[in-house]
Amino acid sequence: MNIAARVVEIVSGMPYEEFLQKRFFDPLGMTETTFWPSEAQAARLCGAYGPNKEKDGYAAAVWVF
């Protein structure tokens, strides 16, 4: 993914984030799509779960920004 993003930067002449914003997110009306969510946006993220330490259930993941 990183190599593909770098190729896009070189070919387009703009940062990857800017390229995605102008070519995909804006035309599709994706007004809240971001690489760096605000605290308000992070609060609306869906939960992620994985096995707990005891391996007999699940535990919620902790988002760190």
Protein backbone atom coordinates (compact mmCIF):
# COMPACT_ATOMS: atom_id res chain seq x y z
CA MET A 1 0.00 0.00 0.00
CA ASN A 2 2.79 2.42 0.86
CA ILE A 3 4.53 1.84 -2.46
CA ALA A 4 1.29 2.33 -4.39
CA ALA A 5 0.63 5.55 -2.47
CA ARG A 6 4.12 6.82 -3.27
CA VAL A 7 3.64 6.03 -6.98
CA VAL A 8 0.38 8.03 -6.90
CA GLU A 9 2.24 10.96 -5.31
CA ILE A 10 4.96 10.91 -7.96
CA VAL A 11 2.61 10.55 -10.92
CA SER A 12 0.00 13.05 -9.70
CA GLY A 13 2.48 15.55 -8.25
CA MET A 14 0.46 15.93 -5.06
CA PRO A 15 0.42 14.34 -1.61
CA TYR A 16 -1.50 11.06 -1.41
CA GLU A 17 -4.06 12.46 1.04
CA GLU A 18 -4.75 15.43 -1.25
CA PHE A 19 -5.06 13.15 -4.30
CA LEU A 20 -7.63 10.95 -2.56
CA GLN A 21 -9.55 13.98 -1.32
CA LYS A 22 -9.77 15.63 -4.75
CA ARG A 23 -10.24 12.52 -6.90
CA PHE A 24 -12.40 10.31 -4.68
CA PHE A 25 -13.75 11.75 -1.45
CA ASP A 26 -15.01 15.13 -2.73
CA PRO A 27 -16.68 13.76 -5.91
CA LEU A 28 -18.40 11.04 -3.85
CA GLY A 29 -19.58 13.51 -1.20
CA MET A 30 -17.54 11.79 1.52
CA THR A 31 -17.31 14.84 3.76
CA GLU A 32 -16.21 13.04 6.93
CA THR A 33 -13.55 10.75 5.45
CA THR A 34 -10.13 11.51 6.89
CA PHE A 35 -6.78 10.03 7.80
CA TRP A 36 -6.77 11.98 11.08
CA PRO A 37 -10.17 11.84 12.81
CA SER A 38 -11.12 14.54 15.28
CA GLU A 39 -12.21 13.60 18.79
CA ALA A 40 -15.85 13.95 17.72
CA GLN A 41 -15.32 11.64 14.74
CA ALA A 42 -13.34 9.12 16.82
CA ALA A 43 -16.23 8.96 19.30
CA ARG A 44 -18.47 7.71 16.47
CA LEU A 45 -16.17 4.88 15.35
CA CYS A 46 -17.61 1.40 15.59
CA GLY A 47 -16.14 -0.91 18.18
CA ALA A 48 -13.63 -3.61 17.43
CA TYR A 49 -13.40 -6.79 19.47
CA GLY A 50 -10.92 -9.62 19.80
CA PRO A 51 -10.27 -12.59 22.05
CA ASN A 52 -9.75 -11.74 25.70
CA LYS A 53 -6.64 -12.77 27.62
CA GLU A 54 -8.33 -15.87 29.02
CA LYS A 55 -9.35 -16.94 25.48
CA ASP A 56 -12.87 -17.68 26.68
CA GLY A 57 -14.63 -14.57 25.41
CA TYR A 58 -14.12 -11.22 23.75
CA ALA A 59 -12.80 -7.84 24.83
CA ALA A 60 -13.23 -4.42 23.25
CA ALA A 61 -10.21 -2.91 21.55
CA VAL A 62 -8.96 0.49 22.70
CA TRP A 63 -8.56 3.17 20.03
CA VAL A 64 -5.45 5.29 20.44
CA PHE A 65 -5.12 8.55 18.50
